[in-house]
Amino acid sequence: MTSLAERVAAPRDLPPLPDALTWRALTRDDVPALTALIIAGQEADGARYRISPEEVDEKFDGSWKDPVANSRVGVDADGAFRAWAWVETYPADERTVRASIEGGVHPAVRRQGIGRAVVAWLEARARQALVETGKELPARIAAYVDDDAPAAEKAVYERAGFTALRYYSNLRRDLTLPVPTAPLGAGLRLVPWSDDVDEAARLAHNDAFRDHWGSEPRSPESWAKGRATFAPAWSFTIVDDTIVDDAGPFVAGYLVSGKYEQDWPVQGYTSGYTELLGVRRSHRGRGISVALLEAAMTAYARDGMQYAELDVDTENPSGAHGLYASLGYEKVDGSRMYSIEL
């Protein structure tokens, strides 16, 4: 394999952004204005969700983040935010070093070439950031786009050389349907989420997702971040009491839920969202996934939610698609990952 620097071919200088706007790095003080800019795009594009200020604020969390180098906002003459760009790498990557990119343009200034310029800047800065990791691994630049996003949004990535490489389905299940039951075998015990199982759940996650395409280990810090929507009362683990671990309980499987209350008026229904569901490879085939989903759906319904929701990679190797279909989950919409593989 050629060196990372040779494969990535990072430019020395970043391409210019349009002179019609004044560009600078984003700061945490920009959270309210950036939230409003993102929501303006979501509304114009007919998205079924809305970002919250808390989700935008947590973009700045993490010692590995570098918004000075990896972000830009375009401001017009009146001081209004009109476009944004964000690049992020992941310090715990071991198999593929990744740079995720995202950004957008306010509907009022679209079709002026700003989107193309933003994507060009994102790609160039992502290439630089990948080289800066110093990791001699396969590399990827990735952007996620809704399947029903405007054609122009998909086209701007495709024209820049990105390919739709992976597809994801967003599923939901009506909670008025009977919740399936899944008795656990000897030694297995359902444990509600708490600080006592949090680290053990991270270790279980890293083991469970080792064979999932595109997944990389989560460090203790990255595992603890990004919890603006975390719903601990709807999250569970299954502990195997037959395995003694001096570090604490041995988590065989886990389910992390999120509560996206800002989405409910747009969706037209309330829901509990299953963010993560994983079972250690040594414990698969023992009904743990169903037991965790049962616990989560029961908790969602108890708190008055109308649906259970989740998303799944359409090529998930664990057979998750079939499992969810058998439990009554149905596809609502989907998304895709555009990437440049390096």
C-alpha atoms as a PDB file:
ATOM      1  CA  MET A   1       0.000   0.000   0.000  1.00  0.00           C
ATOM      2  CA  THR A   2       1.299   3.446  -0.861  1.00  0.00           C
ATOM      3  CA  SER A   3       1.693   5.947   1.964  1.00  0.00           C
ATOM      4  CA  LEU A   4      -1.253   7.826   3.382  1.00  0.00           C
ATOM      5  CA  ALA A   5       0.145  11.122   2.123  1.00  0.00           C
ATOM      6  CA  GLU A   6       0.498   9.776  -1.416  1.00  0.00           C
ATOM      7  CA  ARG A   7      -2.995   8.283  -1.503  1.00  0.00           C
ATOM      8  CA  VAL A   8      -4.764  11.254   0.030  1.00  0.00           C
ATOM      9  CA  ALA A   9      -2.876  13.910  -1.956  1.00  0.00           C
ATOM     10  CA  ALA A  10      -3.837  16.737   0.370  1.00  0.00           C
ATOM     11  CA  PRO A  11      -3.536  20.214  -1.147  1.00  0.00           C
ATOM     12  CA  ARG A  12      -1.164  22.671   0.462  1.00  0.00           C
ATOM     13  CA  ASP A  13      -3.731  25.478   0.230  1.00  0.00           C
ATOM     14  CA  LEU A  14      -7.494  25.312   0.640  1.00  0.00           C
ATOM     15  CA  PRO A  15      -9.694  26.450  -2.255  1.00  0.00           C
ATOM     16  CA  PRO A  16     -11.235  29.911  -1.883  1.00  0.00           C
ATOM     17  CA  LEU A  17     -14.791  30.346  -0.659  1.00  0.00           C
ATOM     18  CA  PRO A  18     -17.121  32.819  -2.437  1.00  0.00           C
ATOM     19  CA  ASP A  19     -16.339  36.503  -1.895  1.00  0.00           C
ATOM     20  CA  ALA A  20     -20.051  37.308  -1.583  1.00  0.00           C
ATOM     21  CA  LEU A  21     -19.834  36.122   2.030  1.00  0.00           C
ATOM     22  CA  THR A  22     -17.342  36.753   4.816  1.00  0.00           C
ATOM     23  CA  TRP A  23     -15.866  33.466   6.043  1.00  0.00           C
ATOM     24  CA  ARG A  24     -14.458  32.530   9.440  1.00  0.00           C
ATOM     25  CA  ALA A  25     -14.210  29.558  11.785  1.00  0.00           C
ATOM     26  CA  LEU A  26     -17.210  28.615  13.899  1.00  0.00           C
ATOM     27  CA  THR A  27     -17.188  29.006  17.689  1.00  0.00           C
ATOM     28  CA  ARG A  28     -19.486  27.815  20.433  1.00  0.00           C
ATOM     29  CA  ASP A  29     -20.945  31.333  20.596  1.00  0.00           C
ATOM     30  CA  ASP A  30     -22.379  30.687  17.127  1.00  0.00           C
ATOM     31  CA  VAL A  31     -24.629  27.825  18.274  1.00  0.00           C
ATOM     32  CA  PRO A  32     -27.965  29.749  18.145  1.00  0.00           C
ATOM     33  CA  ALA A  33     -27.305  31.228  14.695  1.00  0.00           C
ATOM     34  CA  LEU A  34     -25.897  27.974  13.304  1.00  0.00           C
ATOM     35  CA  THR A  35     -28.910  26.062  14.630  1.00  0.00           C
ATOM     36  CA  ALA A  36     -31.242  28.499  12.857  1.00  0.00           C
ATOM     37  CA  LEU A  37     -29.261  28.142   9.607  1.00  0.00           C
ATOM     38  CA  ILE A  38     -29.419  24.340   9.702  1.00  0.00           C
ATOM     39  CA  ILE A  39     -33.129  24.342  10.511  1.00  0.00           C
ATOM     40  CA  ALA A  40     -33.828  26.721   7.603  1.00  0.00           C
ATOM     41  CA  GLY A  41     -32.289  24.137   5.283  1.00  0.00           C
ATOM     42  CA  GLN A  42     -34.173  21.258   6.893  1.00  0.00           C
ATOM     43  CA  GLU A  43     -37.470  23.094   6.504  1.00  0.00           C
ATOM     44  CA  ALA A  44     -36.805  23.960   2.868  1.00  0.00           C
ATOM     45  CA  ASP A  45     -35.814  20.376   2.070  1.00  0.00           C
ATOM     46  CA  GLY A  46     -38.862  18.830   3.746  1.00  0.00           C
ATOM     47  CA  ALA A  47     -36.785  16.856   6.260  1.00  0.00           C
ATOM     48  CA  ARG A  48     -38.685  14.808   8.859  1.00  0.00           C
ATOM     49  CA  TYR A  49     -36.462  16.030  11.683  1.00  0.00           C
ATOM     50  CA  ARG A  50     -35.068  19.211  13.202  1.00  0.00           C
ATOM     51  CA  ILE A  51     -31.716  19.712  14.870  1.00  0.00           C
ATOM     52  CA  SER A  52     -31.682  21.102  18.411  1.00  0.00           C
ATOM     53  CA  PRO A  53     -29.335  23.726  19.889  1.00  0.00           C
ATOM     54  CA  GLU A  54     -28.015  21.051  22.233  1.00  0.00           C
ATOM     55  CA  GLU A  55     -27.004  18.846  19.303  1.00  0.00           C
ATOM     56  CA  VAL A  56     -25.229  21.745  17.619  1.00  0.00           C
ATOM     57  CA  ASP A  57     -23.492  22.729  20.853  1.00  0.00           C
ATOM     58  CA  GLU A  58     -22.076  19.231  21.366  1.00  0.00           C
ATOM     59  CA  LYS A  59     -20.295  19.430  17.998  1.00  0.00           C
ATOM     60  CA  PHE A  60     -17.683  21.459  19.857  1.00  0.00           C
ATOM     61  CA  ASP A  61     -17.197  18.861  22.618  1.00  0.00           C
ATOM     62  CA  GLY A  62     -14.120  16.632  22.588  1.00  0.00           C
ATOM     63  CA  SER A  63     -10.414  17.281  23.028  1.00  0.00           C
ATOM     64  CA  TRP A  64      -9.762  16.055  19.468  1.00  0.00           C
ATOM     65  CA  LYS A  65     -12.026  18.663  17.859  1.00  0.00           C
ATOM     66  CA  ASP A  66     -10.391  21.575  16.018  1.00  0.00           C
ATOM     67  CA  PRO A  67     -13.115  23.958  14.825  1.00  0.00           C
ATOM     68  CA  VAL A  68     -10.563  26.666  14.062  1.00  0.00           C
ATOM     69  CA  ALA A  69      -9.052  24.530  11.307  1.00  0.00           C
ATOM     70  CA  ASN A  70     -12.044  22.323  10.490  1.00  0.00           C
ATOM     71  CA  SER A  71     -15.026  24.658  10.266  1.00  0.00           C
ATOM     72  CA  ARG A  72     -16.209  27.701   8.367  1.00  0.00           C
ATOM     73  CA  VAL A  73     -19.299  29.892   8.375  1.00  0.00           C
ATOM     74  CA  GLY A  74     -20.231  32.332   5.618  1.00  0.00           C
ATOM     75  CA  VAL A  75     -21.829  35.565   6.866  1.00  0.00           C
ATOM     76  CA  ASP A  76     -23.582  38.139   4.680  1.00  0.00           C
ATOM     77  CA  ALA A  77     -23.363  41.919   4.893  1.00  0.00           C
ATOM     78  CA  ASP A  78     -26.215  42.006   7.419  1.00  0.00           C
ATOM     79  CA  GLY A  79     -24.482  39.511   9.713  1.00  0.00           C
ATOM     80  CA  ALA A  80     -26.799  36.606   8.827  1.00  0.00           C
ATOM     81  CA  PHE A  81     -25.354  33.101   8.579  1.00  0.00           C
ATOM     82  CA  ARG A  82     -25.724  31.859   5.007  1.00  0.00           C
ATOM     83  CA  ALA A  83     -23.499  28.750   4.715  1.00  0.00           C
ATOM     84  CA  TRP A  84     -21.445  26.458   6.900  1.00  0.00           C
ATOM     85  CA  ALA A  85     -18.890  23.655   6.717  1.00  0.00           C
ATOM     86  CA  TRP A  86     -17.622  21.136   9.290  1.00  0.00           C
ATOM     87  CA  VAL A  87     -14.931  18.430   9.099  1.00  0.00           C
ATOM     88  CA  GLU A  88     -14.331  15.820  11.778  1.00  0.00           C
ATOM     89  CA  THR A  89     -11.821  12.994  12.229  1.00  0.00           C
ATOM     90  CA  TYR A  90     -11.886  10.268  14.879  1.00  0.00           C
ATOM     91  CA  PRO A  91      -8.868   9.606  17.111  1.00  0.00           C
ATOM     92  CA  ALA A  92      -9.668   5.959  17.893  1.00  0.00           C
ATOM     93  CA  ASP A  93      -9.811   4.767  14.259  1.00  0.00           C
ATOM     94  CA  GLU A  94      -7.827   1.536  13.816  1.00  0.00           C
ATOM     95  CA  ARG A  95      -8.942  -0.027  10.518  1.00  0.00           C
ATOM     96  CA  THR A  96      -9.860   2.952   8.334  1.00  0.00           C
ATOM     97  CA  VAL A  97      -9.023   6.550   9.142  1.00  0.00           C
ATOM     98  CA  ARG A  98     -12.111   8.637   8.487  1.00  0.00           C
ATOM     99  CA  ALA A  99     -13.017  12.252   7.870  1.00  0.00           C
ATOM    100  CA  SER A 100     -16.719  13.082   7.990  1.00  0.00           C
ATOM    101  CA  ILE A 101     -17.914  16.238   6.301  1.00  0.00           C
ATOM    102  CA  GLU A 102     -21.143  18.188   6.559  1.00  0.00           C
ATOM    103  CA  GLY A 103     -22.417  21.611   5.692  1.00  0.00           C
ATOM    104  CA  GLY A 104     -25.183  23.512   4.027  1.00  0.00           C
ATOM    105  CA  VAL A 105     -26.404  26.677   2.343  1.00  0.00           C
ATOM    106  CA  HIS A 106     -29.351  28.850   3.362  1.00  0.00           C
ATOM    107  CA  PRO A 107     -32.276  28.469   0.919  1.00  0.00           C
ATOM    108  CA  ALA A 108     -32.176  32.214   0.182  1.00  0.00           C
ATOM    109  CA  VAL A 109     -28.725  31.997  -1.425  1.00  0.00           C
ATOM    110  CA  ARG A 110     -28.805  28.604  -3.105  1.00  0.00           C
ATOM    111  CA  ARG A 111     -28.063  28.115  -6.824  1.00  0.00           C
ATOM    112  CA  GLN A 112     -25.242  30.653  -6.694  1.00  0.00           C
ATOM    113  CA  GLY A 113     -22.350  28.201  -6.629  1.00  0.00           C
ATOM    114  CA  ILE A 114     -21.881  28.437  -2.868  1.00  0.00           C
ATOM    115  CA  GLY A 115     -22.713  24.772  -2.308  1.00  0.00           C
ATOM    116  CA  ARG A 116     -20.107  23.615  -4.837  1.00  0.00           C
ATOM    117  CA  ALA A 117     -17.498  25.834  -3.222  1.00  0.00           C
ATOM    118  CA  VAL A 118     -18.353  24.564   0.257  1.00  0.00           C
ATOM    119  CA  VAL A 119     -18.026  20.927  -0.834  1.00  0.00           C
ATOM    120  CA  ALA A 120     -14.695  21.680  -2.531  1.00  0.00           C
ATOM    121  CA  TRP A 121     -13.426  23.281   0.686  1.00  0.00           C
ATOM    122  CA  LEU A 122     -14.733  20.363   2.759  1.00  0.00           C
ATOM    123  CA  GLU A 123     -13.022  17.778   0.580  1.00  0.00           C
ATOM    124  CA  ALA A 124      -9.721  19.644   0.570  1.00  0.00           C
ATOM    125  CA  ARG A 125      -9.727  20.226   4.318  1.00  0.00           C
ATOM    126  CA  ALA A 126     -10.730  16.584   4.901  1.00  0.00           C
ATOM    127  CA  ARG A 127      -7.711  15.456   2.879  1.00  0.00           C
ATOM    128  CA  GLN A 128      -5.451  17.657   4.976  1.00  0.00           C
ATOM    129  CA  ALA A 129      -6.999  16.374   8.208  1.00  0.00           C
ATOM    130  CA  LEU A 130      -6.547  12.746   7.157  1.00  0.00           C
ATOM    131  CA  VAL A 131      -2.839  13.280   6.515  1.00  0.00           C
ATOM    132  CA  GLU A 132      -2.519  15.079   9.856  1.00  0.00           C
ATOM    133  CA  THR A 133      -3.635  11.922  11.682  1.00  0.00           C
ATOM    134  CA  GLY A 134      -0.409  10.226  10.628  1.00  0.00           C
ATOM    135  CA  LYS A 135      -2.170   6.851  10.491  1.00  0.00           C
ATOM    136  CA  GLU A 136      -0.971   4.572   7.700  1.00  0.00           C
ATOM    137  CA  LEU A 137      -4.389   3.060   7.059  1.00  0.00           C
ATOM    138  CA  PRO A 138      -6.982   3.025   4.291  1.00  0.00           C
ATOM    139  CA  ALA A 139      -8.765   6.372   4.367  1.00  0.00           C
ATOM    140  CA  ARG A 140     -12.284   7.635   3.714  1.00  0.00           C
ATOM    141  CA  ILE A 141     -14.027  10.982   3.281  1.00  0.00           C
ATOM    142  CA  ALA A 142     -17.745  10.551   3.974  1.00  0.00           C
ATOM    143  CA  ALA A 143     -20.914  12.623   3.802  1.00  0.00           C
ATOM    144  CA  TYR A 144     -24.428  11.462   4.683  1.00  0.00           C
ATOM    145  CA  VAL A 145     -27.428  12.530   2.603  1.00  0.00           C
ATOM    146  CA  ASP A 146     -31.125  11.659   2.947  1.00  0.00           C
ATOM    147  CA  ASP A 147     -32.542   9.575   0.103  1.00  0.00           C
ATOM    148  CA  ASP A 148     -35.292  12.153  -0.422  1.00  0.00           C
ATOM    149  CA  ALA A 149     -32.954  15.152  -0.240  1.00  0.00           C
ATOM    150  CA  PRO A 150     -33.096  17.558  -3.204  1.00  0.00           C
ATOM    151  CA  ALA A 151     -31.430  16.220  -6.333  1.00  0.00           C
ATOM    152  CA  ALA A 152     -29.071  19.199  -6.315  1.00  0.00           C
ATOM    153  CA  GLU A 153     -27.612  18.123  -2.972  1.00  0.00           C
ATOM    154  CA  LYS A 154     -26.794  14.662  -4.277  1.00  0.00           C
ATOM    155  CA  ALA A 155     -25.465  16.082  -7.527  1.00  0.00           C
ATOM    156  CA  VAL A 156     -23.006  18.412  -5.800  1.00  0.00           C
ATOM    157  CA  TYR A 157     -21.323  15.442  -4.144  1.00  0.00           C
ATOM    158  CA  GLU A 158     -21.424  13.275  -7.251  1.00  0.00           C
ATOM    159  CA  ARG A 159     -19.863  16.012  -9.379  1.00  0.00           C
ATOM    160  CA  ALA A 160     -17.114  16.359  -6.781  1.00  0.00           C
ATOM    161  CA  GLY A 161     -16.219  12.679  -7.201  1.00  0.00           C
ATOM    162  CA  PHE A 162     -18.138  11.164  -4.300  1.00  0.00           C
ATOM    163  CA  THR A 163     -19.908   7.815  -4.798  1.00  0.00           C
ATOM    164  CA  ALA A 164     -22.985   6.547  -2.940  1.00  0.00           C
ATOM    165  CA  LEU A 165     -21.358   3.571  -1.249  1.00  0.00           C
ATOM    166  CA  ARG A 166     -23.670   2.591   1.594  1.00  0.00           C
ATOM    167  CA  TYR A 167     -27.407   2.774   2.187  1.00  0.00           C
ATOM    168  CA  TYR A 168     -29.392   2.929   5.429  1.00  0.00           C
ATOM    169  CA  SER A 169     -33.052   2.356   6.231  1.00  0.00           C
ATOM    170  CA  ASN A 170     -34.991   4.283   8.862  1.00  0.00           C
ATOM    171  CA  LEU A 171     -37.543   1.948  10.427  1.00  0.00           C
ATOM    172  CA  ARG A 172     -40.427   2.412  12.827  1.00  0.00           C
ATOM    173  CA  ARG A 173     -42.788   0.140  14.757  1.00  0.00           C
ATOM    174  CA  ASP A 174     -46.278   0.938  15.996  1.00  0.00           C
ATOM    175  CA  LEU A 175     -46.258   0.565  19.792  1.00  0.00           C
ATOM    176  CA  THR A 176     -49.965  -0.282  19.897  1.00  0.00           C
ATOM    177  CA  LEU A 177     -48.923  -3.706  18.595  1.00  0.00           C
ATOM    178  CA  PRO A 178     -48.151  -6.316  21.249  1.00  0.00           C
ATOM    179  CA  VAL A 179     -44.549  -6.151  22.421  1.00  0.00           C
ATOM    180  CA  PRO A 180     -42.738  -9.477  21.896  1.00  0.00           C
ATOM    181  CA  THR A 181     -41.361 -11.309  24.903  1.00  0.00           C
ATOM    182  CA  ALA A 182     -37.920 -12.884  25.027  1.00  0.00           C
ATOM    183  CA  PRO A 183     -37.025 -14.844  28.175  1.00  0.00           C
ATOM    184  CA  LEU A 184     -33.308 -14.720  28.949  1.00  0.00           C
ATOM    185  CA  GLY A 185     -31.210 -17.812  29.517  1.00  0.00           C
ATOM    186  CA  ALA A 186     -29.445 -18.775  32.724  1.00  0.00           C
ATOM    187  CA  GLY A 187     -26.937 -16.242  33.952  1.00  0.00           C
ATOM    188  CA  LEU A 188     -28.218 -13.397  31.796  1.00  0.00           C
ATOM    189  CA  ARG A 189     -29.823 -10.413  33.487  1.00  0.00           C
ATOM    190  CA  LEU A 190     -31.459  -7.227  32.179  1.00  0.00           C
ATOM    191  CA  VAL A 191     -29.903  -4.167  33.849  1.00  0.00           C
ATOM    192  CA  PRO A 192     -31.158  -0.597  33.348  1.00  0.00           C
ATOM    193  CA  TRP A 193     -28.545   1.888  32.193  1.00  0.00           C
ATOM    194  CA  SER A 194     -26.396   3.508  34.866  1.00  0.00           C
ATOM    195  CA  ASP A 195     -22.865   4.781  35.363  1.00  0.00           C
ATOM    196  CA  ASP A 196     -22.005   1.330  36.734  1.00  0.00           C
ATOM    197  CA  VAL A 197     -22.443  -0.304  33.325  1.00  0.00           C
ATOM    198  CA  ASP A 198     -21.487   2.578  31.033  1.00  0.00           C
ATOM    199  CA  GLU A 199     -17.835   1.632  30.494  1.00  0.00           C
ATOM    200  CA  ALA A 200     -18.657  -2.068  30.227  1.00  0.00           C
ATOM    201  CA  ALA A 201     -21.210  -1.179  27.552  1.00  0.00           C
ATOM    202  CA  ARG A 202     -18.520   0.697  25.605  1.00  0.00           C
ATOM    203  CA  LEU A 203     -16.319  -2.399  25.637  1.00  0.00           C
ATOM    204  CA  ALA A 204     -19.271  -4.504  24.495  1.00  0.00           C
ATOM    205  CA  HIS A 205     -19.951  -2.020  21.701  1.00  0.00           C
ATOM    206  CA  ASN A 206     -16.385  -2.193  20.419  1.00  0.00           C
ATOM    207  CA  ASP A 207     -16.560  -5.992  20.390  1.00  0.00           C
ATOM    208  CA  ALA A 208     -20.042  -6.185  18.866  1.00  0.00           C
ATOM    209  CA  PHE A 209     -19.231  -3.860  15.960  1.00  0.00           C
ATOM    210  CA  ARG A 210     -15.832  -5.266  15.022  1.00  0.00           C
ATOM    211  CA  ASP A 211     -17.411  -7.098  12.080  1.00  0.00           C
ATOM    212  CA  HIS A 212     -19.622  -4.207  10.925  1.00  0.00           C
ATOM    213  CA  TRP A 213     -18.521  -2.341   7.813  1.00  0.00           C
ATOM    214  CA  GLY A 214     -17.276   1.154   8.554  1.00  0.00           C
ATOM    215  CA  SER A 215     -17.371   0.789  12.318  1.00  0.00           C
ATOM    216  CA  GLU A 216     -14.370   1.809  14.403  1.00  0.00           C
ATOM    217  CA  PRO A 217     -13.644   1.515  18.146  1.00  0.00           C
ATOM    218  CA  ARG A 218     -14.957   4.187  20.480  1.00  0.00           C
ATOM    219  CA  SER A 219     -12.537   5.700  22.987  1.00  0.00           C
ATOM    220  CA  PRO A 220     -13.766   6.447  26.530  1.00  0.00           C
ATOM    221  CA  GLU A 221     -13.923  10.150  25.669  1.00  0.00           C
ATOM    222  CA  SER A 222     -15.775   9.785  22.370  1.00  0.00           C
ATOM    223  CA  TRP A 223     -18.191   7.297  23.980  1.00  0.00           C
ATOM    224  CA  ALA A 224     -19.043   9.859  26.654  1.00  0.00           C
ATOM    225  CA  LYS A 225     -19.642  12.672  24.158  1.00  0.00           C
ATOM    226  CA  GLY A 226     -22.566  13.255  21.837  1.00  0.00           C
ATOM    227  CA  ARG A 227     -25.261  12.618  24.434  1.00  0.00           C
ATOM    228  CA  ALA A 228     -27.501  15.616  23.948  1.00  0.00           C
ATOM    229  CA  THR A 229     -30.437  13.337  23.121  1.00  0.00           C
ATOM    230  CA  PHE A 230     -29.416  10.357  25.295  1.00  0.00           C
ATOM    231  CA  ALA A 231     -32.378   8.830  27.180  1.00  0.00           C
ATOM    232  CA  PRO A 232     -30.946   6.679  30.016  1.00  0.00           C
ATOM    233  CA  ALA A 233     -34.421   5.684  31.232  1.00  0.00           C
ATOM    234  CA  TRP A 234     -34.980   4.043  27.838  1.00  0.00           C
ATOM    235  CA  SER A 235     -31.539   2.385  27.663  1.00  0.00           C
ATOM    236  CA  PHE A 236     -30.567  -1.068  28.876  1.00  0.00           C
ATOM    237  CA  THR A 237     -27.817  -3.643  29.129  1.00  0.00           C
ATOM    238  CA  ILE A 238     -27.813  -7.392  29.555  1.00  0.00           C
ATOM    239  CA  VAL A 239     -25.161  -8.643  31.944  1.00  0.00           C
ATOM    240  CA  ASP A 240     -23.735 -12.162  31.977  1.00  0.00           C
ATOM    241  CA  ASP A 241     -23.312 -13.067  35.643  1.00  0.00           C
ATOM    242  CA  THR A 242     -21.457 -16.268  34.796  1.00  0.00           C
ATOM    243  CA  ILE A 243     -18.429 -14.251  33.651  1.00  0.00           C
ATOM    244  CA  VAL A 244     -16.389 -12.648  36.405  1.00  0.00           C
ATOM    245  CA  ASP A 245     -14.607  -9.462  35.411  1.00  0.00           C
ATOM    246  CA  ASP A 246     -12.558  -7.557  37.974  1.00  0.00           C
ATOM    247  CA  ALA A 247     -13.278  -4.343  36.081  1.00  0.00           C
ATOM    248  CA  GLY A 248     -17.012  -4.635  36.697  1.00  0.00           C
ATOM    249  CA  PRO A 249     -20.101  -6.269  35.186  1.00  0.00           C
ATOM    250  CA  PHE A 250     -19.656  -8.174  31.920  1.00  0.00           C
ATOM    251  CA  VAL A 251     -22.083  -6.598  29.451  1.00  0.00           C
ATOM    252  CA  ALA A 252     -23.124  -9.100  26.793  1.00  0.00           C
ATOM    253  CA  GLY A 253     -25.481  -6.728  24.976  1.00  0.00           C
ATOM    254  CA  TYR A 254     -26.668  -3.157  25.209  1.00  0.00           C
ATOM    255  CA  LEU A 255     -29.247  -0.760  23.786  1.00  0.00           C
ATOM    256  CA  VAL A 256     -28.873   3.024  23.779  1.00  0.00           C
ATOM    257  CA  SER A 257     -31.974   5.151  23.223  1.00  0.00           C
ATOM    258  CA  GLY A 258     -32.423   8.782  22.242  1.00  0.00           C
ATOM    259  CA  LYS A 259     -35.302  11.200  22.712  1.00  0.00           C
ATOM    260  CA  TYR A 260     -35.775  13.647  19.821  1.00  0.00           C
ATOM    261  CA  GLU A 261     -38.640  15.758  21.082  1.00  0.00           C
ATOM    262  CA  GLN A 262     -37.968  18.529  18.557  1.00  0.00           C
ATOM    263  CA  ASP A 263     -38.765  16.074  15.759  1.00  0.00           C
ATOM    264  CA  TRP A 264     -42.190  15.039  17.000  1.00  0.00           C
ATOM    265  CA  PRO A 265     -44.225  18.009  15.683  1.00  0.00           C
ATOM    266  CA  VAL A 266     -42.605  17.557  12.248  1.00  0.00           C
ATOM    267  CA  GLN A 267     -43.110  13.785  12.195  1.00  0.00           C
ATOM    268  CA  GLY A 268     -46.662  14.029  13.463  1.00  0.00           C
ATOM    269  CA  TYR A 269     -46.091  11.389  16.158  1.00  0.00           C
ATOM    270  CA  THR A 270     -44.003  10.732  19.266  1.00  0.00           C
ATOM    271  CA  SER A 271     -41.274   8.114  19.335  1.00  0.00           C
ATOM    272  CA  GLY A 272     -38.399   6.531  21.171  1.00  0.00           C
ATOM    273  CA  TYR A 273     -35.289   6.119  19.050  1.00  0.00           C
ATOM    274  CA  THR A 274     -32.907   3.183  19.335  1.00  0.00           C
ATOM    275  CA  GLU A 275     -29.515   4.753  18.642  1.00  0.00           C
ATOM    276  CA  LEU A 276     -27.307   1.710  19.208  1.00  0.00           C
ATOM    277  CA  LEU A 277     -27.996  -1.987  19.656  1.00  0.00           C
ATOM    278  CA  GLY A 278     -25.199  -4.495  19.924  1.00  0.00           C
ATOM    279  CA  VAL A 279     -24.471  -8.001  21.168  1.00  0.00           C
ATOM    280  CA  ARG A 280     -21.007  -9.420  21.716  1.00  0.00           C
ATOM    281  CA  ARG A 281     -20.127 -12.000  19.102  1.00  0.00           C
ATOM    282  CA  SER A 282     -19.680 -14.635  21.825  1.00  0.00           C
ATOM    283  CA  HIS A 283     -23.297 -14.143  22.934  1.00  0.00           C
ATOM    284  CA  ARG A 284     -25.188 -13.983  19.646  1.00  0.00           C
ATOM    285  CA  GLY A 285     -28.054 -16.391  19.015  1.00  0.00           C
ATOM    286  CA  ARG A 286     -29.295 -16.237  22.615  1.00  0.00           C
ATOM    287  CA  GLY A 287     -32.216 -13.833  22.180  1.00  0.00           C
ATOM    288  CA  ILE A 288     -30.378 -10.862  23.670  1.00  0.00           C
ATOM    289  CA  SER A 289     -31.297  -8.407  20.896  1.00  0.00           C
ATOM    290  CA  VAL A 290     -34.991  -9.213  21.187  1.00  0.00           C
ATOM    291  CA  ALA A 291     -34.884  -8.917  24.968  1.00  0.00           C
ATOM    292  CA  LEU A 292     -33.256  -5.491  24.725  1.00  0.00           C
ATOM    293  CA  LEU A 293     -35.755  -4.300  22.117  1.00  0.00           C
ATOM    294  CA  GLU A 294     -38.585  -5.617  24.282  1.00  0.00           C
ATOM    295  CA  ALA A 295     -37.300  -3.621  27.249  1.00  0.00           C
ATOM    296  CA  ALA A 296     -36.909  -0.474  25.164  1.00  0.00           C
ATOM    297  CA  MET A 297     -40.311  -0.724  23.482  1.00  0.00           C
ATOM    298  CA  THR A 298     -41.953  -1.322  26.850  1.00  0.00           C
ATOM    299  CA  ALA A 299     -40.233   1.784  28.223  1.00  0.00           C
ATOM    300  CA  TYR A 300     -41.221   3.879  25.192  1.00  0.00           C
ATOM    301  CA  ALA A 301     -44.850   2.782  25.468  1.00  0.00           C
ATOM    302  CA  ARG A 302     -44.879   3.337  29.235  1.00  0.00           C
ATOM    303  CA  ASP A 303     -43.934   6.961  28.633  1.00  0.00           C
ATOM    304  CA  GLY A 304     -46.640   7.471  26.033  1.00  0.00           C
ATOM    305  CA  MET A 305     -44.615   7.117  22.844  1.00  0.00           C
ATOM    306  CA  GLN A 306     -46.515   6.070  19.735  1.00  0.00           C
ATOM    307  CA  TYR A 307     -43.637   4.480  17.794  1.00  0.00           C
ATOM    308  CA  ALA A 308     -40.262   2.848  18.239  1.00  0.00           C
ATOM    309  CA  GLU A 309     -37.698   3.943  15.631  1.00  0.00           C
ATOM    310  CA  LEU A 310     -34.188   2.999  14.533  1.00  0.00           C
ATOM    311  CA  ASP A 311     -31.966   2.923  11.480  1.00  0.00           C
ATOM    312  CA  VAL A 312     -29.989   0.036  10.044  1.00  0.00           C
ATOM    313  CA  ASP A 313     -27.321  -0.501   7.412  1.00  0.00           C
ATOM    314  CA  THR A 314     -29.018  -2.356   4.559  1.00  0.00           C
ATOM    315  CA  GLU A 315     -26.008  -4.704   4.404  1.00  0.00           C
ATOM    316  CA  ASN A 316     -25.725  -5.300   8.150  1.00  0.00           C
ATOM    317  CA  PRO A 317     -23.904  -8.648   8.559  1.00  0.00           C
ATOM    318  CA  SER A 318     -25.776  -9.668  11.722  1.00  0.00           C
ATOM    319  CA  GLY A 319     -29.122 -10.147   9.972  1.00  0.00           C
ATOM    320  CA  ALA A 320     -30.604  -7.183  11.804  1.00  0.00           C
ATOM    321  CA  HIS A 321     -32.925  -6.254   8.925  1.00  0.00           C
ATOM    322  CA  GLY A 322     -34.712  -9.580   9.135  1.00  0.00           C
ATOM    323  CA  LEU A 323     -34.930  -9.355  12.917  1.00  0.00           C
ATOM    324  CA  TYR A 324     -36.540  -5.924  12.828  1.00  0.00           C
ATOM    325  CA  ALA A 325     -39.002  -6.962  10.118  1.00  0.00           C
ATOM    326  CA  SER A 326     -40.034  -9.973  12.204  1.00  0.00           C
ATOM    327  CA  LEU A 327     -40.744  -7.640  15.131  1.00  0.00           C
ATOM    328  CA  GLY A 328     -42.999  -5.371  13.075  1.00  0.00           C
ATOM    329  CA  TYR A 329     -40.605  -2.607  12.071  1.00  0.00           C
ATOM    330  CA  GLU A 330     -41.334  -1.026   8.691  1.00  0.00           C
ATOM    331  CA  LYS A 331     -39.243   1.281   6.521  1.00  0.00           C
ATOM    332  CA  VAL A 332     -40.175   4.964   6.609  1.00  0.00           C
ATOM    333  CA  ASP A 333     -37.315   6.480   4.618  1.00  0.00           C
ATOM    334  CA  GLY A 334     -33.583   6.141   4.183  1.00  0.00           C
ATOM    335  CA  SER A 335     -30.218   7.768   3.695  1.00  0.00           C
ATOM    336  CA  ARG A 336     -26.951   7.086   1.935  1.00  0.00           C
ATOM    337  CA  MET A 337     -23.279   7.577   2.578  1.00  0.00           C
ATOM    338  CA  TYR A 338     -21.347   9.327  -0.170  1.00  0.00           C
ATOM    339  CA  SER A 339     -17.634   8.651   0.039  1.00  0.00           C
ATOM    340  CA  ILE A 340     -14.225   8.991  -1.523  1.00  0.00           C
ATOM    341  CA  GLU A 341     -12.158   5.905  -0.695  1.00  0.00           C
ATOM    342  CA  LEU A 342      -8.440   6.559  -0.477  1.00  0.00           C
END
